[in-house]
PDB file of N, CA and C in Angstrom:
ATOM      1  N   MET A   1     -19.440  20.530  -9.935  1.00  0.00           N
ATOM      2  CA  MET A   1     -19.182  19.266 -10.401  1.00  0.00           C
ATOM      3  C   MET A   1     -18.429  19.243 -11.671  1.00  0.00           C
ATOM      4  N   GLU A   2     -18.284  20.389 -12.274  1.00  0.00           N
ATOM      5  CA  GLU A   2     -17.197  20.489 -13.518  1.00  0.00           C
ATOM      6  C   GLU A   2     -15.795  20.178 -13.074  1.00  0.00           C
ATOM      7  N   LYS A   3     -15.361  20.621 -11.930  1.00  0.00           N
ATOM      8  CA  LYS A   3     -13.967  20.405 -11.570  1.00  0.00           C
ATOM      9  C   LYS A   3     -13.792  18.954 -11.101  1.00  0.00           C
ATOM     10  N   LEU A   4     -14.892  18.320 -10.712  1.00  0.00           N
ATOM     11  CA  LEU A   4     -14.681  16.855 -10.476  1.00  0.00           C
ATOM     12  C   LEU A   4     -14.394  16.140 -11.757  1.00  0.00           C
ATOM     13  N   TYR A   5     -15.253  16.424 -12.785  1.00  0.00           N
ATOM     14  CA  TYR A   5     -14.876  15.869 -14.224  1.00  0.00           C
ATOM     15  C   TYR A   5     -13.493  16.190 -14.625  1.00  0.00           C
ATOM     16  N   TYR A   6     -13.076  17.318 -14.658  1.00  0.00           N
ATOM     17  CA  TYR A   6     -11.618  17.679 -14.832  1.00  0.00           C
ATOM     18  C   TYR A   6     -10.702  16.723 -14.220  1.00  0.00           C
ATOM     19  N   SER A   7     -10.868  16.703 -12.931  1.00  0.00           N
ATOM     20  CA  SER A   7     -10.050  15.797 -12.093  1.00  0.00           C
ATOM     21  C   SER A   7      -9.983  14.405 -12.431  1.00  0.00           C
ATOM     22  N   ILE A   8     -11.177  13.735 -12.784  1.00  0.00           N
ATOM     23  CA  ILE A   8     -11.253  12.343 -13.104  1.00  0.00           C
ATOM     24  C   ILE A   8     -10.666  12.147 -14.547  1.00  0.00           C
ATOM     25  N   ILE A   9     -10.783  13.087 -15.378  1.00  0.00           N
ATOM     26  CA  ILE A   9     -10.245  12.958 -16.998  1.00  0.00           C
ATOM     27  C   ILE A   9      -8.787  13.129 -16.711  1.00  0.00           C
ATOM     28  N   LEU A  10      -8.207  13.963 -15.948  1.00  0.00           N
ATOM     29  CA  LEU A  10      -6.834  14.199 -15.674  1.00  0.00           C
ATOM     30  C   LEU A  10      -6.275  12.926 -15.072  1.00  0.00           C
ATOM     31  N   LEU A  11      -6.859  12.405 -14.179  1.00  0.00           N
ATOM     32  CA  LEU A  11      -6.462  11.141 -13.492  1.00  0.00           C
ATOM     33  C   LEU A  11      -6.545  10.183 -14.479  1.00  0.00           C
ATOM     34  N   LEU A  12      -7.398   9.813 -15.349  1.00  0.00           N
ATOM     35  CA  LEU A  12      -7.435   8.870 -16.436  1.00  0.00           C
ATOM     36  C   LEU A  12      -6.293   9.019 -17.309  1.00  0.00           C
ATOM     37  N   VAL A  13      -6.131  10.154 -17.889  1.00  0.00           N
ATOM     38  CA  VAL A  13      -4.919  10.451 -18.913  1.00  0.00           C
ATOM     39  C   VAL A  13      -3.706  10.332 -18.165  1.00  0.00           C
ATOM     40  N   SER A  14      -3.534  10.749 -16.848  1.00  0.00           N
ATOM     41  CA  SER A  14      -2.285  10.619 -16.405  1.00  0.00           C
ATOM     42  C   SER A  14      -1.814   9.129 -16.032  1.00  0.00           C
ATOM     43  N   ASN A  15      -2.858   8.330 -15.457  1.00  0.00           N
ATOM     44  CA  ASN A  15      -2.623   6.939 -15.254  1.00  0.00           C
ATOM     45  C   ASN A  15      -2.370   6.122 -16.592  1.00  0.00           C
ATOM     46  N   LEU A  16      -2.919   6.527 -17.826  1.00  0.00           N
ATOM     47  CA  LEU A  16      -2.665   5.917 -18.885  1.00  0.00           C
ATOM     48  C   LEU A  16      -1.280   6.261 -19.455  1.00  0.00           C
ATOM     49  N   ALA A  17      -0.824   7.510 -19.338  1.00  0.00           N
ATOM     50  CA  ALA A  17       0.594   7.801 -19.588  1.00  0.00           C
ATOM     51  C   ALA A  17       1.540   7.179 -18.583  1.00  0.00           C
ATOM     52  N   ALA A  18       1.235   7.043 -17.331  1.00  0.00           N
ATOM     53  CA  ALA A  18       2.075   6.449 -16.387  1.00  0.00           C
ATOM     54  C   ALA A  18       2.350   5.073 -16.831  1.00  0.00           C
ATOM     55  N   TRP A  19       1.143   4.293 -17.142  1.00  0.00           N
ATOM     56  CA  TRP A  19       1.382   3.009 -17.468  1.00  0.00           C
ATOM     57  C   TRP A  19       2.268   2.643 -18.632  1.00  0.00           C
ATOM     58  N   TRP A  20       2.135   3.808 -19.846  1.00  0.00           N
ATOM     59  CA  TRP A  20       3.013   3.457 -20.811  1.00  0.00           C
ATOM     60  C   TRP A  20       4.370   3.962 -20.460  1.00  0.00           C
ATOM     61  N   GLN A  21       4.688   4.909 -19.627  1.00  0.00           N
ATOM     62  CA  GLN A  21       5.975   5.316 -19.224  1.00  0.00           C
ATOM     63  C   GLN A  21       6.729   4.203 -18.320  1.00  0.00           C
ATOM     64  N   LEU A  22       6.056   3.356 -17.634  1.00  0.00           N
ATOM     65  CA  LEU A  22       6.633   2.322 -16.890  1.00  0.00           C
ATOM     66  C   LEU A  22       6.524   0.997 -17.435  1.00  0.00           C
ATOM     67  N   ASN A  23       5.516   0.672 -18.327  1.00  0.00           N
ATOM     68  CA  ASN A  23       5.362  -0.747 -18.725  1.00  0.00           C
ATOM     69  C   ASN A  23       5.593  -0.658 -20.304  1.00  0.00           C
ATOM     70  N   GLY A  24       5.826   0.468 -20.872  1.00  0.00           N
ATOM     71  CA  GLY A  24       5.890   0.483 -22.333  1.00  0.00           C
ATOM     72  C   GLY A  24       7.217  -0.358 -22.806  1.00  0.00           C
ATOM     73  N   GLN A  25       8.116  -0.458 -21.751  1.00  0.00           N
ATOM     74  CA  GLN A  25       9.440  -1.329 -22.103  1.00  0.00           C
ATOM     75  C   GLN A  25       9.164  -2.630 -22.366  1.00  0.00           C
ATOM     76  N   PHE A  26       8.008  -3.074 -21.932  1.00  0.00           N
ATOM     77  CA  PHE A  26       7.810  -4.750 -22.204  1.00  0.00           C
ATOM     78  C   PHE A  26       7.052  -4.836 -23.319  1.00  0.00           C
ATOM     79  N   TYR A  27       6.296  -3.695 -23.852  1.00  0.00           N
ATOM     80  CA  TYR A  27       5.437  -3.806 -25.049  1.00  0.00           C
ATOM     81  C   TYR A  27       6.348  -3.694 -26.518  1.00  0.00           C
ATOM     82  N   PHE A  28       7.302  -2.399 -26.217  1.00  0.00           N
ATOM     83  CA  PHE A  28       8.144  -2.126 -27.289  1.00  0.00           C
ATOM     84  C   PHE A  28       9.431  -2.557 -26.834  1.00  0.00           C
ATOM     85  N   LYS A  29       9.741  -4.009 -26.791  1.00  0.00           N
ATOM     86  CA  LYS A  29      11.021  -4.307 -26.339  1.00  0.00           C
ATOM     87  C   LYS A  29      12.264  -4.247 -27.017  1.00  0.00           C
ATOM     88  N   ASP A  30      12.237  -3.702 -28.219  1.00  0.00           N
ATOM     89  CA  ASP A  30      13.402  -3.403 -29.032  1.00  0.00           C
ATOM     90  C   ASP A  30      13.640  -2.053 -29.345  1.00  0.00           C
ATOM     91  N   HIS A  31      12.701  -1.056 -28.917  1.00  0.00           N
ATOM     92  CA  HIS A  31      12.830   0.231 -29.314  1.00  0.00           C
ATOM     93  C   HIS A  31      13.633   1.108 -28.208  1.00  0.00           C
ATOM     94  N   TRP A  32      14.509   1.785 -28.693  1.00  0.00           N
ATOM     95  CA  TRP A  32      15.335   2.611 -27.747  1.00  0.00           C
ATOM     96  C   TRP A  32      14.803   3.487 -26.913  1.00  0.00           C
ATOM     97  N   PHE A  33      13.681   4.206 -27.382  1.00  0.00           N
ATOM     98  CA  PHE A  33      13.285   5.393 -26.621  1.00  0.00           C
ATOM     99  C   PHE A  33      12.478   4.559 -25.304  1.00  0.00           C
ATOM    100  N   TRP A  34      11.788   3.633 -25.581  1.00  0.00           N
ATOM    101  CA  TRP A  34      11.016   2.845 -24.601  1.00  0.00           C
ATOM    102  C   TRP A  34      11.894   2.141 -23.504  1.00  0.00           C
ATOM    103  N   ASN A  35      13.133   1.899 -23.877  1.00  0.00           N
ATOM    104  CA  ASN A  35      13.932   1.033 -23.063  1.00  0.00           C
ATOM    105  C   ASN A  35      15.093   2.056 -22.439  1.00  0.00           C
ATOM    106  N   ASN A  36      14.829   3.417 -22.461  1.00  0.00           N
ATOM    107  CA  ASN A  36      15.693   4.191 -22.039  1.00  0.00           C
ATOM    108  C   ASN A  36      15.182   5.073 -20.795  1.00  0.00           C
ATOM    109  N   PRO A  37      15.430   4.509 -19.528  1.00  0.00           N
ATOM    110  CA  PRO A  37      14.686   5.055 -18.483  1.00  0.00           C
ATOM    111  C   PRO A  37      14.884   6.779 -18.287  1.00  0.00           C
ATOM    112  N   TYR A  38      16.055   7.302 -18.850  1.00  0.00           N
ATOM    113  CA  TYR A  38      16.282   8.736 -18.686  1.00  0.00           C
ATOM    114  C   TYR A  38      15.569   9.484 -19.669  1.00  0.00           C
ATOM    115  N   TRP A  39      15.269   8.871 -20.855  1.00  0.00           N
ATOM    116  CA  TRP A  39      14.210   9.571 -21.739  1.00  0.00           C
ATOM    117  C   TRP A  39      12.899   9.594 -21.224  1.00  0.00           C
ATOM    118  N   MET A  40      12.515   8.452 -20.818  1.00  0.00           N
ATOM    119  CA  MET A  40      11.233   8.239 -20.294  1.00  0.00           C
ATOM    120  C   MET A  40      10.742   8.999 -19.121  1.00  0.00           C
ATOM    121  N   ALA A  41      11.830   9.179 -18.094  1.00  0.00           N
ATOM    122  CA  ALA A  41      11.648  10.008 -16.865  1.00  0.00           C
ATOM    123  C   ALA A  41      11.658  11.507 -17.221  1.00  0.00           C
ATOM    124  N   THR A  42      12.390  11.929 -18.405  1.00  0.00           N
ATOM    125  CA  THR A  42      12.415  13.340 -18.391  1.00  0.00           C
ATOM    126  C   THR A  42      11.391  13.713 -19.534  1.00  0.00           C
ATOM    127  N   THR A  43      10.962  13.049 -20.546  1.00  0.00           N
ATOM    128  CA  THR A  43       9.867  13.291 -21.435  1.00  0.00           C
ATOM    129  C   THR A  43       8.488  13.214 -20.841  1.00  0.00           C
ATOM    130  N   MET A  44       8.291  12.070 -20.172  1.00  0.00           N
ATOM    131  CA  MET A  44       6.988  11.692 -19.685  1.00  0.00           C
ATOM    132  C   MET A  44       6.759  12.191 -18.313  1.00  0.00           C
ATOM    133  N   GLY A  45       7.620  11.987 -17.445  1.00  0.00           N
ATOM    134  CA  GLY A  45       7.399  12.307 -15.982  1.00  0.00           C
ATOM    135  C   GLY A  45       6.920  13.859 -15.705  1.00  0.00           C
ATOM    136  N   ILE A  46       7.375  14.879 -16.289  1.00  0.00           N
ATOM    137  CA  ILE A  46       7.056  16.133 -15.947  1.00  0.00           C
ATOM    138  C   ILE A  46       5.568  16.297 -16.397  1.00  0.00           C
ATOM    139  N   PRO A  47       5.295  15.973 -17.668  1.00  0.00           N
ATOM    140  CA  PRO A  47       3.826  16.209 -18.063  1.00  0.00           C
ATOM    141  C   PRO A  47       2.766  15.177 -17.222  1.00  0.00           C
ATOM    142  N   ILE A  48       3.292  14.060 -16.792  1.00  0.00           N
ATOM    143  CA  ILE A  48       2.386  13.268 -15.949  1.00  0.00           C
ATOM    144  C   ILE A  48       2.277  13.859 -14.544  1.00  0.00           C
ATOM    145  N   GLY A  49       3.550  14.446 -14.001  1.00  0.00           N
ATOM    146  CA  GLY A  49       3.271  15.106 -12.653  1.00  0.00           C
ATOM    147  C   GLY A  49       2.399  16.271 -12.572  1.00  0.00           C
ATOM    148  N   PHE A  50       2.317  16.988 -13.810  1.00  0.00           N
ATOM    149  CA  PHE A  50       1.578  18.163 -13.842  1.00  0.00           C
ATOM    150  C   PHE A  50       0.186  17.748 -13.849  1.00  0.00           C
ATOM    151  N   MET A  51      -0.240  16.833 -14.585  1.00  0.00           N
ATOM    152  CA  MET A  51      -1.555  16.170 -14.719  1.00  0.00           C
ATOM    153  C   MET A  51      -1.946  15.790 -13.366  1.00  0.00           C
ATOM    154  N   PHE A  52      -1.218  14.974 -12.524  1.00  0.00           N
ATOM    155  CA  PHE A  52      -1.571  14.529 -11.216  1.00  0.00           C
ATOM    156  C   PHE A  52      -1.725  15.631 -10.373  1.00  0.00           C
ATOM    157  N   TRP A  53      -0.887  16.763 -10.389  1.00  0.00           N
ATOM    158  CA  TRP A  53      -0.914  18.035  -9.626  1.00  0.00           C
ATOM    159  C   TRP A  53      -2.468  18.643  -9.774  1.00  0.00           C
ATOM    160  N   TRP A  54      -2.708  18.847 -11.208  1.00  0.00           N
ATOM    161  CA  TRP A  54      -4.009  19.544 -11.510  1.00  0.00           C
ATOM    162  C   TRP A  54      -5.157  18.774 -11.106  1.00  0.00           C
ATOM    163  N   ALA A  55      -5.178  17.408 -11.220  1.00  0.00           N
ATOM    164  CA  ALA A  55      -6.192  16.518 -10.720  1.00  0.00           C
ATOM    165  C   ALA A  55      -6.527  16.812  -9.333  1.00  0.00           C
ATOM    166  N   THR A  56      -5.362  16.652  -8.391  1.00  0.00           N
ATOM    167  CA  THR A  56      -5.448  17.084  -7.254  1.00  0.00           C
ATOM    168  C   THR A  56      -6.292  18.253  -6.743  1.00  0.00           C
ATOM    169  N   LYS A  57      -5.719  19.210  -7.484  1.00  0.00           N
ATOM    170  CA  LYS A  57      -6.147  20.775  -7.253  1.00  0.00           C
ATOM    171  C   LYS A  57      -7.619  20.808  -7.412  1.00  0.00           C
ATOM    172  N   PHE A  58      -8.102  20.261  -8.583  1.00  0.00           N
ATOM    173  CA  PHE A  58      -9.517  20.276  -9.020  1.00  0.00           C
ATOM    174  C   PHE A  58     -10.369  19.617  -7.933  1.00  0.00           C
ATOM    175  N   SER A  59      -9.945  18.316  -7.686  1.00  0.00           N
ATOM    176  CA  SER A  59     -10.599  17.523  -6.726  1.00  0.00           C
ATOM    177  C   SER A  59     -10.670  18.120  -5.283  1.00  0.00           C
ATOM    178  N   TYR A  60      -9.636  18.918  -4.898  1.00  0.00           N
ATOM    179  CA  TYR A  60      -9.702  19.556  -3.582  1.00  0.00           C
ATOM    180  C   TYR A  60     -10.716  20.725  -3.707  1.00  0.00           C
ATOM    181  N   GLU A  61     -10.737  21.440  -4.826  1.00  0.00           N
ATOM    182  CA  GLU A  61     -11.674  22.496  -5.019  1.00  0.00           C
ATOM    183  C   GLU A  61     -13.190  22.121  -5.008  1.00  0.00           C
ATOM    184  N   HIS A  62     -13.171  20.766  -5.552  1.00  0.00           N
ATOM    185  CA  HIS A  62     -14.648  20.193  -5.503  1.00  0.00           C
ATOM    186  C   HIS A  62     -15.119  19.672  -4.093  1.00  0.00           C
ATOM    187  N   PHE A  63     -14.244  18.910  -3.405  1.00  0.00           N
ATOM    188  CA  PHE A  63     -14.629  18.164  -2.298  1.00  0.00           C
ATOM    189  C   PHE A  63     -14.203  18.845  -0.911  1.00  0.00           C
ATOM    190  N   GLY A  64     -13.103  19.730  -1.104  1.00  0.00           N
ATOM    191  CA  GLY A  64     -12.702  20.406   0.076  1.00  0.00           C
ATOM    192  C   GLY A  64     -11.704  19.568   1.124  1.00  0.00           C
ATOM    193  N   PHE A  65     -11.446  18.387   0.399  1.00  0.00           N
ATOM    194  CA  PHE A  65     -10.670  17.398   1.147  1.00  0.00           C
ATOM    195  C   PHE A  65      -9.529  16.719   0.313  1.00  0.00           C
ATOM    196  N   THR A  66      -8.297  16.394   0.901  1.00  0.00           N
ATOM    197  CA  THR A  66      -7.600  15.558  -0.040  1.00  0.00           C
ATOM    198  C   THR A  66      -7.840  14.106  -0.043  1.00  0.00           C
ATOM    199  N   TRP A  67      -8.549  13.543   1.059  1.00  0.00           N
ATOM    200  CA  TRP A  67      -8.879  11.925   1.039  1.00  0.00           C
ATOM    201  C   TRP A  67      -9.569  11.579  -0.271  1.00  0.00           C
ATOM    202  N   ASN A  68     -10.521  12.436  -0.596  1.00  0.00           N
ATOM    203  CA  ASN A  68     -11.293  11.970  -1.739  1.00  0.00           C
ATOM    204  C   ASN A  68     -10.369  11.609  -3.158  1.00  0.00           C
ATOM    205  N   ILE A  69      -9.551  12.506  -3.346  1.00  0.00           N
ATOM    206  CA  ILE A  69      -8.825  12.185  -4.610  1.00  0.00           C
ATOM    207  C   ILE A  69      -7.778  11.208  -4.324  1.00  0.00           C
ATOM    208  N   ARG A  70      -7.484  10.756  -3.182  1.00  0.00           N
ATOM    209  CA  ARG A  70      -6.456   9.663  -2.752  1.00  0.00           C
ATOM    210  C   ARG A  70      -7.204   8.451  -2.969  1.00  0.00           C
ATOM    211  N   MET A  71      -8.353   8.467  -2.582  1.00  0.00           N
ATOM    212  CA  MET A  71      -9.111   7.143  -2.988  1.00  0.00           C
ATOM    213  C   MET A  71      -9.638   6.852  -4.495  1.00  0.00           C
ATOM    214  N   ILE A  72     -10.053   8.068  -5.039  1.00  0.00           N
ATOM    215  CA  ILE A  72     -10.299   8.029  -6.487  1.00  0.00           C
ATOM    216  C   ILE A  72      -8.962   7.653  -7.202  1.00  0.00           C
ATOM    217  N   GLY A  73      -7.950   8.336  -6.940  1.00  0.00           N
ATOM    218  CA  GLY A  73      -6.834   7.975  -7.620  1.00  0.00           C
ATOM    219  C   GLY A  73      -6.279   6.648  -7.537  1.00  0.00           C
ATOM    220  N   PHE A  74      -6.456   6.102  -6.331  1.00  0.00           N
ATOM    221  CA  PHE A  74      -5.929   4.672  -6.021  1.00  0.00           C
ATOM    222  C   PHE A  74      -6.852   3.758  -6.992  1.00  0.00           C
ATOM    223  N   GLY A  75      -8.176   3.836  -6.882  1.00  0.00           N
ATOM    224  CA  GLY A  75      -9.092   3.133  -7.701  1.00  0.00           C
ATOM    225  C   GLY A  75      -8.905   3.308  -9.043  1.00  0.00           C
ATOM    226  N   MET A  76      -8.725   4.480  -9.806  1.00  0.00           N
ATOM    227  CA  MET A  76      -8.483   4.716 -10.967  1.00  0.00           C
ATOM    228  C   MET A  76      -7.169   4.104 -11.441  1.00  0.00           C
ATOM    229  N   GLY A  77      -6.058   4.308 -10.762  1.00  0.00           N
ATOM    230  CA  GLY A  77      -4.804   3.580 -11.046  1.00  0.00           C
ATOM    231  C   GLY A  77      -4.885   2.078 -11.114  1.00  0.00           C
ATOM    232  N   THR A  78      -5.508   1.528 -10.189  1.00  0.00           N
ATOM    233  CA  THR A  78      -5.728   0.092 -10.337  1.00  0.00           C
ATOM    234  C   THR A  78      -6.561  -0.411 -11.415  1.00  0.00           C
ATOM    235  N   LEU A  79      -7.485   0.380 -11.692  1.00  0.00           N
ATOM    236  CA  LEU A  79      -8.433  -0.140 -12.994  1.00  0.00           C
ATOM    237  C   LEU A  79      -7.527   0.072 -14.224  1.00  0.00           C
ATOM    238  N   VAL A  80      -7.000   1.304 -14.563  1.00  0.00           N
ATOM    239  CA  VAL A  80      -6.079   1.549 -15.665  1.00  0.00           C
ATOM    240  C   VAL A  80      -5.085   0.464 -15.780  1.00  0.00           C
ATOM    241  N   PHE A  81      -4.334   0.250 -14.590  1.00  0.00           N
ATOM    242  CA  PHE A  81      -3.285  -0.847 -14.823  1.00  0.00           C
ATOM    243  C   PHE A  81      -3.848  -2.054 -15.086  1.00  0.00           C
ATOM    244  N   GLY A  82      -4.842  -2.461 -14.546  1.00  0.00           N
ATOM    245  CA  GLY A  82      -5.466  -3.904 -14.947  1.00  0.00           C
ATOM    246  C   GLY A  82      -5.780  -4.114 -16.312  1.00  0.00           C
ATOM    247  N   ILE A  83      -6.582  -3.020 -16.879  1.00  0.00           N
ATOM    248  CA  ILE A  83      -7.187  -3.095 -18.292  1.00  0.00           C
ATOM    249  C   ILE A  83      -6.000  -2.978 -19.203  1.00  0.00           C
ATOM    250  N   MET A  84      -5.007  -2.004 -18.914  1.00  0.00           N
ATOM    251  CA  MET A  84      -3.884  -1.976 -19.886  1.00  0.00           C
ATOM    252  C   MET A  84      -2.911  -3.040 -20.033  1.00  0.00           C
ATOM    253  N   SER A  85      -2.814  -3.730 -18.839  1.00  0.00           N
ATOM    254  CA  SER A  85      -1.925  -4.768 -18.735  1.00  0.00           C
ATOM    255  C   SER A  85      -2.683  -6.009 -19.299  1.00  0.00           C
ATOM    256  N   TYR A  86      -3.984  -6.139 -19.438  1.00  0.00           N
ATOM    257  CA  TYR A  86      -4.793  -7.123 -20.235  1.00  0.00           C
ATOM    258  C   TYR A  86      -4.588  -6.785 -21.522  1.00  0.00           C
ATOM    259  N   LEU A  87      -4.899  -5.692 -21.910  1.00  0.00           N
ATOM    260  CA  LEU A  87      -5.010  -5.428 -23.397  1.00  0.00           C
ATOM    261  C   LEU A  87      -3.600  -5.457 -24.161  1.00  0.00           C
ATOM    262  N   PHE A  88      -2.638  -4.811 -23.706  1.00  0.00           N
ATOM    263  CA  PHE A  88      -1.269  -4.843 -24.264  1.00  0.00           C
ATOM    264  C   PHE A  88      -0.231  -5.898 -23.937  1.00  0.00           C
ATOM    265  N   LEU A  89      -0.550  -6.388 -22.673  1.00  0.00           N
ATOM    266  CA  LEU A  89       0.599  -7.426 -22.365  1.00  0.00           C
ATOM    267  C   LEU A  89       0.113  -8.901 -22.169  1.00  0.00           C
ATOM    268  N   LYS A  90      -1.261  -8.805 -22.408  1.00  0.00           N
ATOM    269  CA  LYS A  90      -1.941 -10.088 -22.393  1.00  0.00           C
ATOM    270  C   LYS A  90      -1.944 -10.836 -21.163  1.00  0.00           C
ATOM    271  N   GLU A  91      -1.985 -10.115 -20.037  1.00  0.00           N
ATOM    272  CA  GLU A  91      -1.806 -10.632 -18.654  1.00  0.00           C
ATOM    273  C   GLU A  91      -3.334 -10.822 -18.334  1.00  0.00           C
ATOM    274  N   ILE A  92      -3.855 -12.101 -18.214  1.00  0.00           N
ATOM    275  CA  ILE A  92      -5.116 -12.477 -17.928  1.00  0.00           C
ATOM    276  C   ILE A  92      -5.301 -12.330 -16.339  1.00  0.00           C
ATOM    277  N   PRO A  93      -6.099 -11.651 -15.968  1.00  0.00           N
ATOM    278  CA  PRO A  93      -6.349 -11.320 -14.472  1.00  0.00           C
ATOM    279  C   PRO A  93      -6.946 -12.652 -13.791  1.00  0.00           C
ATOM    280  N   THR A  94      -6.567 -12.927 -12.761  1.00  0.00           N
ATOM    281  CA  THR A  94      -6.959 -14.140 -11.921  1.00  0.00           C
ATOM    282  C   THR A  94      -8.331 -13.706 -11.205  1.00  0.00           C
ATOM    283  N   MET A  95      -9.082 -14.608 -10.412  1.00  0.00           N
ATOM    284  CA  MET A  95     -10.241 -14.331  -9.771  1.00  0.00           C
ATOM    285  C   MET A  95      -9.883 -13.327  -8.470  1.00  0.00           C
ATOM    286  N   LYS A  96      -8.688 -13.570  -8.145  1.00  0.00           N
ATOM    287  CA  LYS A  96      -8.358 -12.654  -6.951  1.00  0.00           C
ATOM    288  C   LYS A  96      -8.054 -11.206  -7.562  1.00  0.00           C
ATOM    289  N   THR A  97      -7.397 -11.132  -8.788  1.00  0.00           N
ATOM    290  CA  THR A  97      -7.404  -9.652  -9.258  1.00  0.00           C
ATOM    291  C   THR A  97      -8.642  -9.141  -9.777  1.00  0.00           C
ATOM    292  N   ILE A  98      -9.487  -9.963 -10.222  1.00  0.00           N
ATOM    293  CA  ILE A  98     -10.835  -9.329 -10.822  1.00  0.00           C
ATOM    294  C   ILE A  98     -11.666  -8.852  -9.380  1.00  0.00           C
ATOM    295  N   VAL A  99     -11.526  -9.465  -8.275  1.00  0.00           N
ATOM    296  CA  VAL A  99     -12.020  -9.046  -7.070  1.00  0.00           C
ATOM    297  C   VAL A  99     -11.613  -7.725  -6.771  1.00  0.00           C
ATOM    298  N   CYS A 100     -10.325  -7.728  -6.725  1.00  0.00           N
ATOM    299  CA  CYS A 100      -9.571  -6.269  -6.567  1.00  0.00           C
ATOM    300  C   CYS A 100      -9.949  -5.240  -7.408  1.00  0.00           C
ATOM    301  N   LEU A 101     -10.240  -5.524  -8.706  1.00  0.00           N
ATOM    302  CA  LEU A 101     -10.546  -4.579  -9.709  1.00  0.00           C
ATOM    303  C   LEU A 101     -11.982  -4.055  -9.292  1.00  0.00           C
ATOM    304  N   LEU A 102     -12.753  -4.924  -8.847  1.00  0.00           N
ATOM    305  CA  LEU A 102     -14.303  -4.521  -8.534  1.00  0.00           C
ATOM    306  C   LEU A 102     -14.208  -3.766  -7.294  1.00  0.00           C
ATOM    307  N   LEU A 103     -13.278  -4.081  -6.302  1.00  0.00           N
ATOM    308  CA  LEU A 103     -13.185  -3.194  -5.161  1.00  0.00           C
ATOM    309  C   LEU A 103     -12.697  -1.837  -5.509  1.00  0.00           C
ATOM    310  N   ALA A 104     -11.874  -1.799  -6.371  1.00  0.00           N
ATOM    311  CA  ALA A 104     -11.438  -0.563  -7.064  1.00  0.00           C
ATOM    312  C   ALA A 104     -12.368   0.439  -7.490  1.00  0.00           C
ATOM    313  N   LEU A 105     -13.136  -0.176  -8.328  1.00  0.00           N
ATOM    314  CA  LEU A 105     -14.485   0.454  -8.945  1.00  0.00           C
ATOM    315  C   LEU A 105     -15.373   0.764  -7.823  1.00  0.00           C
ATOM    316  N   SER A 106     -15.580   0.136  -6.806  1.00  0.00           N
ATOM    317  CA  SER A 106     -16.353   0.377  -5.703  1.00  0.00           C
ATOM    318  C   SER A 106     -15.914   1.654  -4.977  1.00  0.00           C
ATOM    319  N   ILE A 107     -14.509   1.634  -4.784  1.00  0.00           N
ATOM    320  CA  ILE A 107     -13.882   2.820  -4.025  1.00  0.00           C
ATOM    321  C   ILE A 107     -14.209   4.039  -4.858  1.00  0.00           C
ATOM    322  N   ILE A 108     -14.102   4.026  -6.273  1.00  0.00           N
ATOM    323  CA  ILE A 108     -14.329   4.979  -7.119  1.00  0.00           C
ATOM    324  C   ILE A 108     -15.746   5.641  -6.873  1.00  0.00           C
ATOM    325  N   LEU A 109     -16.601   4.689  -6.986  1.00  0.00           N
ATOM    326  CA  LEU A 109     -18.061   5.043  -7.132  1.00  0.00           C
ATOM    327  C   LEU A 109     -18.587   5.645  -5.749  1.00  0.00           C
ATOM    328  N   ILE A 110     -18.030   5.002  -4.542  1.00  0.00           N
ATOM    329  CA  ILE A 110     -18.309   5.658  -3.393  1.00  0.00           C
ATOM    330  C   ILE A 110     -17.924   7.040  -3.085  1.00  0.00           C
ATOM    331  N   GLN A 111     -16.717   7.219  -3.725  1.00  0.00           N
ATOM    332  CA  GLN A 111     -16.032   8.669  -3.549  1.00  0.00           C
ATOM    333  C   GLN A 111     -16.986   9.721  -4.462  1.00  0.00           C
ATOM    334  N   VAL A 112     -17.304   9.395  -5.626  1.00  0.00           N
ATOM    335  CA  VAL A 112     -17.759  10.229  -6.729  1.00  0.00           C
ATOM    336  C   VAL A 112     -19.324  10.396  -6.388  1.00  0.00           C
ATOM    337  N   THR A 113     -20.019   9.419  -5.948  1.00  0.00           N
ATOM    338  CA  THR A 113     -21.459   9.541  -5.781  1.00  0.00           C
ATOM    339  C   THR A 113     -21.930   9.942  -4.409  1.00  0.00           C
ATOM    340  N   ASN A 114     -20.907   9.936  -3.575  1.00  0.00           N
ATOM    341  CA  ASN A 114     -21.185  10.290  -2.210  1.00  0.00           C
ATOM    342  C   ASN A 114     -22.272   9.334  -1.580  1.00  0.00           C
ATOM    343  N   VAL A 115     -22.091   8.157  -1.668  1.00  0.00           N
ATOM    344  CA  VAL A 115     -23.083   7.122  -1.267  1.00  0.00           C
ATOM    345  C   VAL A 115     -23.344   7.273   0.286  1.00  0.00           C
ATOM    346  N   LEU A 116     -22.417   7.386   1.041  1.00  0.00           N
ATOM    347  CA  LEU A 116     -22.475   7.428   2.297  1.00  0.00           C
ATOM    348  C   LEU A 116     -23.064   8.657   3.074  1.00  0.00           C
ATOM    349  N   GLY A 117     -23.274   9.705   2.147  1.00  0.00           N
ATOM    350  CA  GLY A 117     -23.755  10.867   2.568  1.00  0.00           C
ATOM    351  C   GLY A 117     -22.910  11.730   3.725  1.00  0.00           C
ATOM    352  N   GLU A 118     -21.775  12.133   3.374  1.00  0.00           N
ATOM    353  CA  GLU A 118     -21.027  12.896   4.114  1.00  0.00           C
ATOM    354  C   GLU A 118     -21.514  14.282   4.474  1.00  0.00           C
TER     355      GLU A 118
END
């Protein structure tokens, strides 16, 4: 179970960092660092890539399958994107987006809790 926790923490941190890497340009509109794709790709891309890699490794060691981390990663990425876009860019989700966020949460919970009893 410990490896699953590591995987989820790494997914959370890597998705937060990826959100800043890609959307920081809209929050820090006049800052040279955030508006330079070469700096963003080189300084943030490598650590983010390593975090996703380790999250996948830990998840595979826990579940024995790659599908679980794919579903958890999709759900986590969707939730992080929605929350961060709301908090920092003031993008208010529509009802359609809220339903999608709830579905993303459902995907994560199904994968983590093994509700369907694989």
